[in-house]
């Protein structure tokens, strides 16, 4: 019995050390930033979050960015709807974050959306699948900070995939 308990303790300690080395206990740092709207060129999606159609759309946009056919970063705009999300459905806009007044190459089925805001609450997270905080945890932290500052957030978030970072922004109304 002591041997099994000893092995369990060793495994637990090794797991904690590995989690710490990968950044699993890192605080979620949020900050208020000034911005000048978001110009995103892409395609909307409504359906199951785990659908092949969504995965294919994300891959298509990722390939456009990586091939340098389009300049910018891959972004996913998540429109928040708790009832829909509880059923496993999402409403998203997958596209490329461009610069203001930057013309986009015409792509069939794509459109430009502008999210009008002058401030966002931003979190930058290292992309490590094993230790990334859940979207709910990041959203709750953003809501807490907004409440402390007396701000109202829009019912959406913007996830930007840049290098080895995931930048999540919550626009202020």
N, C-alpha and C. Protein backbone atom coordinates (compact mmCIF):
# COMPACT_ATOMS: atom_id res chain seq x y z
N UNK A 1 0.82 -1.19 0.00
CA UNK A 1 0.00 0.00 0.00
C UNK A 1 0.86 1.26 0.00
N UNK A 2 1.95 1.21 0.82
CA UNK A 2 2.85 2.37 0.88
C UNK A 2 3.52 2.61 -0.48
N UNK A 3 3.81 1.52 -1.18
CA UNK A 3 4.46 1.62 -2.48
C UNK A 3 3.55 2.35 -3.48
N UNK A 4 2.25 2.00 -3.50
CA UNK A 4 1.28 2.63 -4.40
C UNK A 4 1.13 4.10 -4.05
N UNK A 5 1.06 4.41 -2.76
CA UNK A 5 0.94 5.80 -2.32
C UNK A 5 2.18 6.59 -2.72
N UNK A 6 3.35 5.99 -2.59
CA UNK A 6 4.60 6.65 -2.99
C UNK A 6 4.64 6.95 -4.48
N UNK A 7 4.20 5.98 -5.28
CA UNK A 7 4.16 6.17 -6.73
C UNK A 7 3.17 7.28 -7.09
N UNK A 8 2.02 7.30 -6.42
CA UNK A 8 1.02 8.34 -6.68
C UNK A 8 1.57 9.72 -6.36
N UNK A 9 2.31 9.85 -5.25
CA UNK A 9 2.90 11.13 -4.87
C UNK A 9 3.94 11.57 -5.90
N UNK A 10 4.76 10.65 -6.36
CA UNK A 10 5.78 10.97 -7.38
C UNK A 10 5.11 11.45 -8.66
N UNK A 11 4.05 10.77 -9.09
CA UNK A 11 3.34 11.18 -10.30
C UNK A 11 2.71 12.55 -10.12
N UNK A 12 2.12 12.80 -8.98
CA UNK A 12 1.49 14.10 -8.69
C UNK A 12 2.53 15.22 -8.72
N UNK A 13 3.66 15.00 -8.06
CA UNK A 13 4.73 16.02 -8.02
C UNK A 13 5.27 16.26 -9.43
N UNK A 14 5.49 15.18 -10.19
CA UNK A 14 5.99 15.33 -11.57
C UNK A 14 4.99 16.12 -12.42
N UNK A 15 3.70 15.84 -12.24
CA UNK A 15 2.67 16.58 -12.98
C UNK A 15 2.67 18.05 -12.63
N UNK A 16 2.80 18.37 -11.34
CA UNK A 16 2.84 19.77 -10.92
C UNK A 16 4.07 20.49 -11.46
N UNK A 17 5.22 19.81 -11.44
CA UNK A 17 6.45 20.41 -11.97
C UNK A 17 6.31 20.66 -13.46
N UNK A 18 5.80 19.68 -14.20
CA UNK A 18 5.62 19.84 -15.65
C UNK A 18 4.63 20.96 -15.96
N UNK A 19 3.53 21.02 -15.23
CA UNK A 19 2.53 22.07 -15.43
C UNK A 19 3.15 23.45 -15.17
N UNK A 20 3.97 23.57 -14.12
CA UNK A 20 4.63 24.84 -13.81
C UNK A 20 5.62 25.22 -14.91
N UNK A 21 6.38 24.24 -15.40
CA UNK A 21 7.36 24.51 -16.46
C UNK A 21 6.68 24.98 -17.74
N UNK A 22 5.48 24.46 -18.03
CA UNK A 22 4.75 24.85 -19.24
C UNK A 22 3.95 26.14 -19.05
N UNK A 23 3.96 26.67 -17.84
CA UNK A 23 3.25 27.93 -17.59
C UNK A 23 1.82 27.76 -17.14
N UNK A 24 1.49 26.61 -16.62
CA UNK A 24 0.11 26.30 -16.23
C UNK A 24 -0.43 27.11 -15.07
N UNK A 25 0.44 27.66 -14.24
CA UNK A 25 -0.03 28.43 -13.09
C UNK A 25 0.13 29.93 -13.32
N UNK A 26 0.41 30.30 -14.57
CA UNK A 26 0.58 31.70 -14.91
C UNK A 26 -0.73 32.46 -14.75
N UNK A 27 -0.64 33.66 -14.24
CA UNK A 27 -1.80 34.54 -14.13
C UNK A 27 -2.26 34.96 -15.52
N UNK A 28 -3.53 35.22 -15.65
CA UNK A 28 -4.05 35.79 -16.90
C UNK A 28 -3.92 37.30 -16.75
N UNK A 29 -3.02 37.88 -17.51
CA UNK A 29 -2.82 39.32 -17.44
C UNK A 29 -3.72 40.01 -18.46
N UNK A 30 -4.54 40.92 -17.96
CA UNK A 30 -5.44 41.69 -18.82
C UNK A 30 -5.08 43.16 -18.71
N UNK A 31 -5.28 43.87 -19.82
CA UNK A 31 -5.07 45.31 -19.77
C UNK A 31 -6.02 46.01 -20.73
N UNK A 32 -6.35 47.24 -20.38
CA UNK A 32 -7.20 48.08 -21.21
C UNK A 32 -6.30 48.75 -22.23
N UNK A 33 -6.69 48.66 -23.51
CA UNK A 33 -5.90 49.27 -24.58
C UNK A 33 -6.78 50.12 -25.47
N UNK A 34 -6.18 51.16 -26.02
CA UNK A 34 -6.87 52.00 -27.01
C UNK A 34 -6.65 51.39 -28.39
N UNK A 35 -7.72 51.39 -29.19
CA UNK A 35 -7.65 50.84 -30.55
C UNK A 35 -8.42 51.76 -31.49
N UNK A 36 -8.27 51.50 -32.78
CA UNK A 36 -8.99 52.27 -33.79
C UNK A 36 -9.80 51.33 -34.67
N UNK A 37 -10.83 50.73 -34.08
CA UNK A 37 -11.73 49.83 -34.79
C UNK A 37 -10.97 48.59 -35.31
N UNK A 38 -11.73 47.61 -35.76
CA UNK A 38 -11.15 46.39 -36.33
C UNK A 38 -11.76 46.15 -37.69
N UNK A 39 -10.92 46.01 -38.70
CA UNK A 39 -11.34 45.72 -40.07
C UNK A 39 -10.97 44.26 -40.35
N UNK A 40 -11.99 43.44 -40.52
CA UNK A 40 -11.77 42.01 -40.68
C UNK A 40 -12.43 41.55 -41.98
N UNK A 41 -11.68 40.80 -42.77
CA UNK A 41 -12.17 40.29 -44.04
C UNK A 41 -12.27 38.78 -43.92
N UNK A 42 -13.48 38.26 -44.05
CA UNK A 42 -13.63 36.82 -43.89
C UNK A 42 -15.03 36.34 -44.19
N UNK A 43 -15.41 35.30 -43.49
CA UNK A 43 -16.69 34.65 -43.75
C UNK A 43 -17.33 34.27 -42.42
N UNK A 44 -18.65 34.41 -42.35
CA UNK A 44 -19.36 34.05 -41.13
C UNK A 44 -19.63 32.55 -41.09
N UNK A 45 -19.79 32.07 -39.86
CA UNK A 45 -20.10 30.66 -39.64
C UNK A 45 -21.09 30.58 -38.49
N UNK A 46 -22.09 29.74 -38.65
CA UNK A 46 -23.05 29.46 -37.60
C UNK A 46 -23.30 27.96 -37.60
N UNK A 47 -23.03 27.31 -36.46
CA UNK A 47 -23.23 25.87 -36.39
C UNK A 47 -22.47 25.27 -35.23
N UNK A 48 -22.20 23.98 -35.32
CA UNK A 48 -21.50 23.25 -34.26
C UNK A 48 -20.04 23.69 -34.20
N UNK A 49 -19.55 23.89 -32.99
CA UNK A 49 -18.17 24.35 -32.82
C UNK A 49 -17.16 23.30 -33.29
N UNK A 50 -17.57 22.04 -33.33
CA UNK A 50 -16.66 20.97 -33.73
C UNK A 50 -16.92 20.46 -35.15
N UNK A 51 -17.59 21.28 -35.97
CA UNK A 51 -17.94 20.84 -37.32
C UNK A 51 -16.74 20.89 -38.28
N UNK A 52 -16.80 20.03 -39.28
CA UNK A 52 -15.76 20.02 -40.31
C UNK A 52 -15.78 21.32 -41.10
N UNK A 53 -16.97 21.87 -41.31
CA UNK A 53 -17.11 23.12 -42.08
C UNK A 53 -16.33 24.26 -41.42
N UNK A 54 -16.44 24.38 -40.09
CA UNK A 54 -15.71 25.42 -39.38
C UNK A 54 -14.20 25.16 -39.46
N UNK A 55 -13.79 23.93 -39.24
CA UNK A 55 -12.36 23.59 -39.31
C UNK A 55 -11.80 23.90 -40.70
N UNK A 56 -12.57 23.61 -41.75
CA UNK A 56 -12.12 23.90 -43.12
C UNK A 56 -12.02 25.40 -43.37
N UNK A 57 -12.97 26.17 -42.84
CA UNK A 57 -12.93 27.63 -43.00
C UNK A 57 -11.70 28.21 -42.31
N UNK A 58 -11.44 27.77 -41.09
CA UNK A 58 -10.26 28.26 -40.35
C UNK A 58 -8.99 27.89 -41.11
N UNK A 59 -8.92 26.68 -41.63
CA UNK A 59 -7.73 26.25 -42.37
C UNK A 59 -7.57 27.06 -43.66
N UNK A 60 -8.68 27.35 -44.35
CA UNK A 60 -8.62 28.16 -45.58
C UNK A 60 -8.04 29.54 -45.29
N UNK A 61 -8.51 30.17 -44.23
CA UNK A 61 -8.02 31.51 -43.87
C UNK A 61 -6.57 31.43 -43.42
N UNK A 62 -6.22 30.41 -42.65
CA UNK A 62 -4.83 30.24 -42.20
C UNK A 62 -3.90 30.11 -43.41
N UNK A 63 -4.31 29.35 -44.42
CA UNK A 63 -3.50 29.18 -45.63
C UNK A 63 -3.35 30.49 -46.39
N UNK A 64 -4.40 31.31 -46.44
CA UNK A 64 -4.32 32.61 -47.10
C UNK A 64 -3.27 33.49 -46.43
N UNK A 65 -3.25 33.47 -45.10
CA UNK A 65 -2.29 34.29 -44.34
C UNK A 65 -0.88 33.74 -44.52
N UNK A 66 -0.72 32.43 -44.41
CA UNK A 66 0.62 31.83 -44.50
C UNK A 66 1.21 31.93 -45.90
N UNK A 67 0.36 31.94 -46.92
CA UNK A 67 0.86 32.02 -48.30
C UNK A 67 1.18 33.46 -48.71
N UNK A 68 0.92 34.40 -47.82
CA UNK A 68 1.12 35.83 -48.09
C UNK A 68 0.19 36.36 -49.17
N UNK A 69 -0.85 35.58 -49.51
CA UNK A 69 -1.85 36.07 -50.47
C UNK A 69 -2.64 37.23 -49.85
N UNK A 70 -2.81 37.17 -48.54
CA UNK A 70 -3.49 38.23 -47.80
C UNK A 70 -2.58 38.64 -46.65
N UNK A 71 -2.51 39.94 -46.41
CA UNK A 71 -1.67 40.45 -45.34
C UNK A 71 -2.50 40.65 -44.08
N UNK A 72 -2.01 40.12 -42.98
CA UNK A 72 -2.70 40.26 -41.71
C UNK A 72 -2.60 38.98 -40.89
N UNK A 73 -3.38 38.92 -39.83
CA UNK A 73 -3.38 37.75 -38.95
C UNK A 73 -4.74 37.09 -38.95
N UNK A 74 -4.74 35.79 -38.73
CA UNK A 74 -5.98 35.03 -38.59
C UNK A 74 -6.71 35.50 -37.33
N UNK A 75 -7.99 35.81 -37.46
CA UNK A 75 -8.81 36.15 -36.30
C UNK A 75 -10.13 35.41 -36.36
N UNK A 76 -10.67 35.15 -35.18
CA UNK A 76 -12.00 34.56 -35.07
C UNK A 76 -12.79 35.45 -34.13
N UNK A 77 -13.88 35.99 -34.64
CA UNK A 77 -14.78 36.80 -33.83
C UNK A 77 -15.85 35.85 -33.29
N UNK A 78 -15.95 35.79 -31.98
CA UNK A 78 -16.94 34.94 -31.32
C UNK A 78 -18.09 35.81 -30.84
N UNK A 79 -19.28 35.60 -31.39
CA UNK A 79 -20.46 36.32 -30.93
C UNK A 79 -21.07 35.50 -29.80
N UNK A 80 -21.16 36.09 -28.63
CA UNK A 80 -21.55 35.35 -27.43
C UNK A 80 -23.06 35.22 -27.31
N UNK A 81 -23.49 33.97 -27.17
CA UNK A 81 -24.90 33.65 -26.99
C UNK A 81 -24.94 32.39 -26.11
N UNK A 82 -25.18 32.58 -24.81
CA UNK A 82 -25.09 31.47 -23.85
C UNK A 82 -26.01 30.31 -24.19
N UNK A 83 -27.25 30.58 -24.58
CA UNK A 83 -28.19 29.50 -24.91
C UNK A 83 -27.66 28.66 -26.06
N UNK A 84 -27.17 29.34 -27.08
CA UNK A 84 -26.65 28.66 -28.25
C UNK A 84 -25.40 27.83 -27.89
N UNK A 85 -24.52 28.42 -27.07
CA UNK A 85 -23.28 27.76 -26.70
C UNK A 85 -23.53 26.53 -25.84
N UNK A 86 -24.56 26.55 -24.99
CA UNK A 86 -24.88 25.38 -24.16
C UNK A 86 -25.25 24.18 -25.01
N UNK A 87 -25.80 24.44 -26.20
CA UNK A 87 -26.16 23.36 -27.13
C UNK A 87 -24.97 22.93 -27.99
N UNK A 88 -23.83 23.64 -27.85
CA UNK A 88 -22.65 23.30 -28.65
C UNK A 88 -22.58 24.05 -29.96
N UNK A 89 -23.44 25.06 -30.13
CA UNK A 89 -23.45 25.85 -31.35
C UNK A 89 -22.72 27.17 -31.12
N UNK A 90 -22.11 27.67 -32.18
CA UNK A 90 -21.41 28.96 -32.12
C UNK A 90 -21.79 29.81 -33.31
N UNK A 91 -21.64 31.10 -33.13
CA UNK A 91 -21.77 32.05 -34.23
C UNK A 91 -20.44 32.79 -34.28
N UNK A 92 -19.73 32.65 -35.41
CA UNK A 92 -18.39 33.22 -35.52
C UNK A 92 -18.20 33.89 -36.87
N UNK A 93 -17.19 34.74 -36.91
CA UNK A 93 -16.73 35.33 -38.15
C UNK A 93 -15.24 35.04 -38.22
N UNK A 94 -14.82 34.25 -39.19
CA UNK A 94 -13.43 33.83 -39.33
C UNK A 94 -12.81 34.64 -40.46
N UNK A 95 -11.70 35.31 -40.16
CA UNK A 95 -11.12 36.13 -41.21
C UNK A 95 -9.71 36.60 -40.92
N UNK A 96 -9.37 37.66 -41.63
CA UNK A 96 -8.04 38.24 -41.56
C UNK A 96 -8.16 39.66 -41.04
N UNK A 97 -7.40 39.94 -39.99
CA UNK A 97 -7.39 41.29 -39.42
C UNK A 97 -6.46 42.14 -40.26
N UNK A 98 -7.02 43.16 -40.88
CA UNK A 98 -6.23 44.04 -41.73
C UNK A 98 -6.01 45.40 -41.10
N UNK A 99 -5.28 46.21 -41.80
CA UNK A 99 -5.04 47.57 -41.36
C UNK A 99 -6.14 48.48 -41.89
N UNK A 100 -6.37 49.57 -41.21
CA UNK A 100 -7.37 50.53 -41.64
C UNK A 100 -7.06 51.01 -43.06
N UNK A 101 -8.06 51.07 -43.90
CA UNK A 101 -7.96 51.50 -45.30
C UNK A 101 -7.10 50.58 -46.16
N UNK A 102 -6.79 49.38 -45.68
CA UNK A 102 -6.05 48.42 -46.48
C UNK A 102 -7.03 47.69 -47.38
N UNK A 103 -6.83 47.73 -48.68
CA UNK A 103 -7.75 46.99 -49.56
C UNK A 103 -7.49 45.49 -49.45
N UNK A 104 -8.56 44.72 -49.47
CA UNK A 104 -8.45 43.27 -49.42
C UNK A 104 -8.62 42.71 -50.83
N UNK A 105 -7.93 41.61 -51.13
CA UNK A 105 -8.16 40.91 -52.39
C UNK A 105 -9.56 40.33 -52.36
N UNK A 106 -10.27 40.43 -53.47
CA UNK A 106 -11.63 39.88 -53.54
C UNK A 106 -11.57 38.35 -53.50
N UNK A 107 -12.32 37.77 -52.59
CA UNK A 107 -12.45 36.32 -52.50
C UNK A 107 -13.93 36.01 -52.43
N UNK A 108 -14.37 35.11 -53.28
CA UNK A 108 -15.79 34.77 -53.33
C UNK A 108 -16.27 34.26 -51.97
N UNK A 109 -17.40 34.82 -51.49
CA UNK A 109 -17.98 34.40 -50.22
C UNK A 109 -17.44 35.16 -49.02
N UNK A 110 -16.40 35.98 -49.22
CA UNK A 110 -15.83 36.75 -48.12
C UNK A 110 -16.42 38.16 -48.13
N UNK A 111 -16.44 38.77 -46.96
CA UNK A 111 -16.93 40.14 -46.82
C UNK A 111 -16.09 40.84 -45.76
N UNK A 112 -16.16 42.16 -45.76
CA UNK A 112 -15.45 42.94 -44.75
C UNK A 112 -16.42 43.33 -43.65
N UNK A 113 -15.98 43.15 -42.42
CA UNK A 113 -16.75 43.61 -41.25
C UNK A 113 -15.88 44.57 -40.47
N UNK A 114 -16.53 45.59 -39.94
CA UNK A 114 -15.83 46.56 -39.11
C UNK A 114 -16.46 46.52 -37.73
N UNK A 115 -15.63 46.28 -36.73
CA UNK A 115 -16.08 46.33 -35.34
C UNK A 115 -15.64 47.68 -34.81
N UNK A 116 -16.63 48.50 -34.52
CA UNK A 116 -16.35 49.88 -34.12
C UNK A 116 -16.18 49.95 -32.61
N UNK A 117 -14.95 50.27 -32.20
CA UNK A 117 -14.63 50.42 -30.78
C UNK A 117 -13.34 51.22 -30.65
N UNK A 118 -13.19 51.89 -29.52
CA UNK A 118 -11.97 52.64 -29.30
C UNK A 118 -11.14 52.06 -28.15
N UNK A 119 -11.72 51.07 -27.44
CA UNK A 119 -11.00 50.44 -26.34
C UNK A 119 -11.33 48.94 -26.31
N UNK A 120 -10.35 48.17 -25.85
CA UNK A 120 -10.56 46.74 -25.64
C UNK A 120 -9.86 46.32 -24.35
N UNK A 121 -10.37 45.25 -23.77
CA UNK A 121 -9.64 44.58 -22.70
C UNK A 121 -8.95 43.41 -23.39
N UNK A 122 -7.63 43.34 -23.21
CA UNK A 122 -6.82 42.38 -23.97
C UNK A 122 -6.08 41.42 -23.05
N UNK A 123 -6.08 40.15 -23.45
CA UNK A 123 -5.28 39.11 -22.78
C UNK A 123 -4.37 38.49 -23.82
N UNK A 124 -3.11 38.29 -23.45
CA UNK A 124 -2.17 37.59 -24.33
C UNK A 124 -1.78 36.29 -23.65
N UNK A 125 -1.99 35.19 -24.38
CA UNK A 125 -1.80 33.87 -23.80
C UNK A 125 -0.85 33.08 -24.68
N UNK A 126 0.13 32.42 -24.06
CA UNK A 126 1.02 31.53 -24.81
C UNK A 126 0.20 30.34 -25.28
N UNK A 127 0.41 29.94 -26.54
CA UNK A 127 -0.34 28.82 -27.09
C UNK A 127 0.35 27.52 -26.66
N UNK A 128 -0.18 26.93 -25.61
CA UNK A 128 0.26 25.64 -25.10
C UNK A 128 -0.99 24.89 -24.73
N UNK A 129 -1.39 23.94 -25.56
CA UNK A 129 -2.68 23.27 -25.39
C UNK A 129 -2.88 22.69 -24.00
N UNK A 130 -1.84 22.16 -23.39
CA UNK A 130 -2.01 21.51 -22.10
C UNK A 130 -2.29 22.49 -20.97
N UNK A 131 -1.85 23.74 -21.10
CA UNK A 131 -1.95 24.65 -19.97
C UNK A 131 -2.73 25.93 -20.27
N UNK A 132 -3.35 26.01 -21.43
CA UNK A 132 -4.10 27.23 -21.76
C UNK A 132 -5.33 27.34 -20.87
N UNK A 133 -5.64 28.57 -20.39
CA UNK A 133 -6.86 28.73 -19.60
C UNK A 133 -8.09 28.56 -20.50
N UNK A 134 -9.19 28.18 -19.89
CA UNK A 134 -10.42 27.99 -20.67
C UNK A 134 -10.95 29.35 -21.12
N UNK A 135 -11.69 29.38 -22.22
CA UNK A 135 -12.29 30.64 -22.67
C UNK A 135 -13.18 31.27 -21.60
N UNK A 136 -13.87 30.45 -20.82
CA UNK A 136 -14.74 30.97 -19.77
C UNK A 136 -13.92 31.70 -18.70
N UNK A 137 -12.76 31.14 -18.36
CA UNK A 137 -11.92 31.76 -17.34
C UNK A 137 -11.42 33.13 -17.81
N UNK A 138 -11.01 33.21 -19.07
CA UNK A 138 -10.52 34.48 -19.62
C UNK A 138 -11.68 35.49 -19.68
N UNK A 139 -12.85 35.05 -20.13
CA UNK A 139 -14.03 35.92 -20.21
C UNK A 139 -14.42 36.43 -18.83
N UNK A 140 -14.41 35.56 -17.83
CA UNK A 140 -14.77 35.98 -16.47
C UNK A 140 -13.80 37.02 -15.94
N UNK A 141 -12.51 36.84 -16.20
CA UNK A 141 -11.50 37.82 -15.77
C UNK A 141 -11.74 39.17 -16.46
N UNK A 142 -12.06 39.13 -17.76
CA UNK A 142 -12.33 40.37 -18.50
C UNK A 142 -13.57 41.06 -17.95
N UNK A 143 -14.61 40.29 -17.63
CA UNK A 143 -15.82 40.86 -17.05
C UNK A 143 -15.53 41.51 -15.70
N UNK A 144 -14.70 40.86 -14.88
CA UNK A 144 -14.33 41.42 -13.58
C UNK A 144 -13.61 42.75 -13.74
N UNK A 145 -12.63 42.80 -14.65
CA UNK A 145 -11.88 44.03 -14.87
C UNK A 145 -12.79 45.13 -15.40
N UNK A 146 -13.67 44.79 -16.33
CA UNK A 146 -14.60 45.79 -16.88
C UNK A 146 -15.50 46.35 -15.78
N UNK A 147 -15.99 45.49 -14.90
CA UNK A 147 -16.85 45.94 -13.80
C UNK A 147 -16.09 46.87 -12.86
N UNK A 148 -14.84 46.53 -12.56
CA UNK A 148 -14.01 47.38 -11.70
C UNK A 148 -13.81 48.76 -12.31
N UNK A 149 -13.71 48.82 -13.64
CA UNK A 149 -13.45 50.08 -14.34
C UNK A 149 -14.73 50.79 -14.76
N UNK A 150 -15.88 50.18 -14.50
CA UNK A 150 -17.15 50.79 -14.88
C UNK A 150 -17.39 50.77 -16.39
N UNK A 151 -16.90 49.73 -17.06
CA UNK A 151 -17.04 49.62 -18.51
C UNK A 151 -18.03 48.51 -18.87
N UNK A 152 -18.67 48.63 -20.03
CA UNK A 152 -19.53 47.59 -20.56
C UNK A 152 -18.86 46.99 -21.78
N UNK A 153 -18.80 45.66 -21.81
CA UNK A 153 -18.19 44.97 -22.93
C UNK A 153 -19.25 44.59 -23.95
N UNK A 154 -18.84 44.56 -25.22
CA UNK A 154 -19.72 44.06 -26.28
C UNK A 154 -19.90 42.57 -26.07
N UNK A 155 -20.91 42.00 -26.67
CA UNK A 155 -21.19 40.57 -26.56
C UNK A 155 -20.41 39.80 -27.63
N UNK A 156 -19.10 40.06 -27.67
CA UNK A 156 -18.24 39.36 -28.62
C UNK A 156 -16.80 39.42 -28.13
N UNK A 157 -16.00 38.52 -28.66
CA UNK A 157 -14.57 38.56 -28.41
C UNK A 157 -13.86 38.36 -29.75
N UNK A 158 -12.64 38.85 -29.82
CA UNK A 158 -11.83 38.72 -31.03
C UNK A 158 -10.57 37.95 -30.65
N UNK A 159 -10.40 36.76 -31.24
CA UNK A 159 -9.21 35.96 -30.99
C UNK A 159 -8.26 36.15 -32.17
N UNK A 160 -7.06 36.60 -31.88
CA UNK A 160 -6.06 36.80 -32.92
C UNK A 160 -4.93 35.81 -32.70
N UNK A 161 -4.60 35.07 -33.75
CA UNK A 161 -3.53 34.08 -33.68
C UNK A 161 -2.30 34.67 -34.34
N UNK A 162 -1.30 35.03 -33.53
CA UNK A 162 -0.09 35.66 -34.02
C UNK A 162 1.12 34.97 -33.39
N UNK A 163 2.01 34.45 -34.22
CA UNK A 163 3.19 33.73 -33.75
C UNK A 163 2.76 32.62 -32.79
N UNK A 164 3.33 32.58 -31.62
CA UNK A 164 2.97 31.55 -30.63
C UNK A 164 2.08 32.12 -29.53
N UNK A 165 1.35 33.18 -29.87
CA UNK A 165 0.46 33.84 -28.90
C UNK A 165 -0.97 33.81 -29.41
N UNK A 166 -1.87 33.70 -28.47
CA UNK A 166 -3.28 33.91 -28.72
C UNK A 166 -3.63 35.21 -28.01
N UNK A 167 -4.09 36.18 -28.78
CA UNK A 167 -4.47 37.47 -28.21
C UNK A 167 -5.99 37.53 -28.25
N UNK A 168 -6.60 37.66 -27.07
CA UNK A 168 -8.05 37.71 -26.98
C UNK A 168 -8.43 39.12 -26.57
N UNK A 169 -9.31 39.72 -27.37
CA UNK A 169 -9.75 41.09 -27.10
C UNK A 169 -11.25 41.13 -26.88
N UNK A 170 -11.66 41.89 -25.88
CA UNK A 170 -13.07 42.09 -25.58
C UNK A 170 -13.35 43.57 -25.79
N UNK A 171 -14.01 43.92 -26.91
CA UNK A 171 -14.28 45.33 -27.20
C UNK A 171 -15.21 45.97 -26.17
N UNK A 172 -14.92 47.22 -25.87
CA UNK A 172 -15.72 48.01 -24.94
C UNK A 172 -16.79 48.73 -25.77
N UNK A 173 -18.02 48.76 -25.24
CA UNK A 173 -19.12 49.46 -25.94
C UNK A 173 -18.92 50.94 -25.85
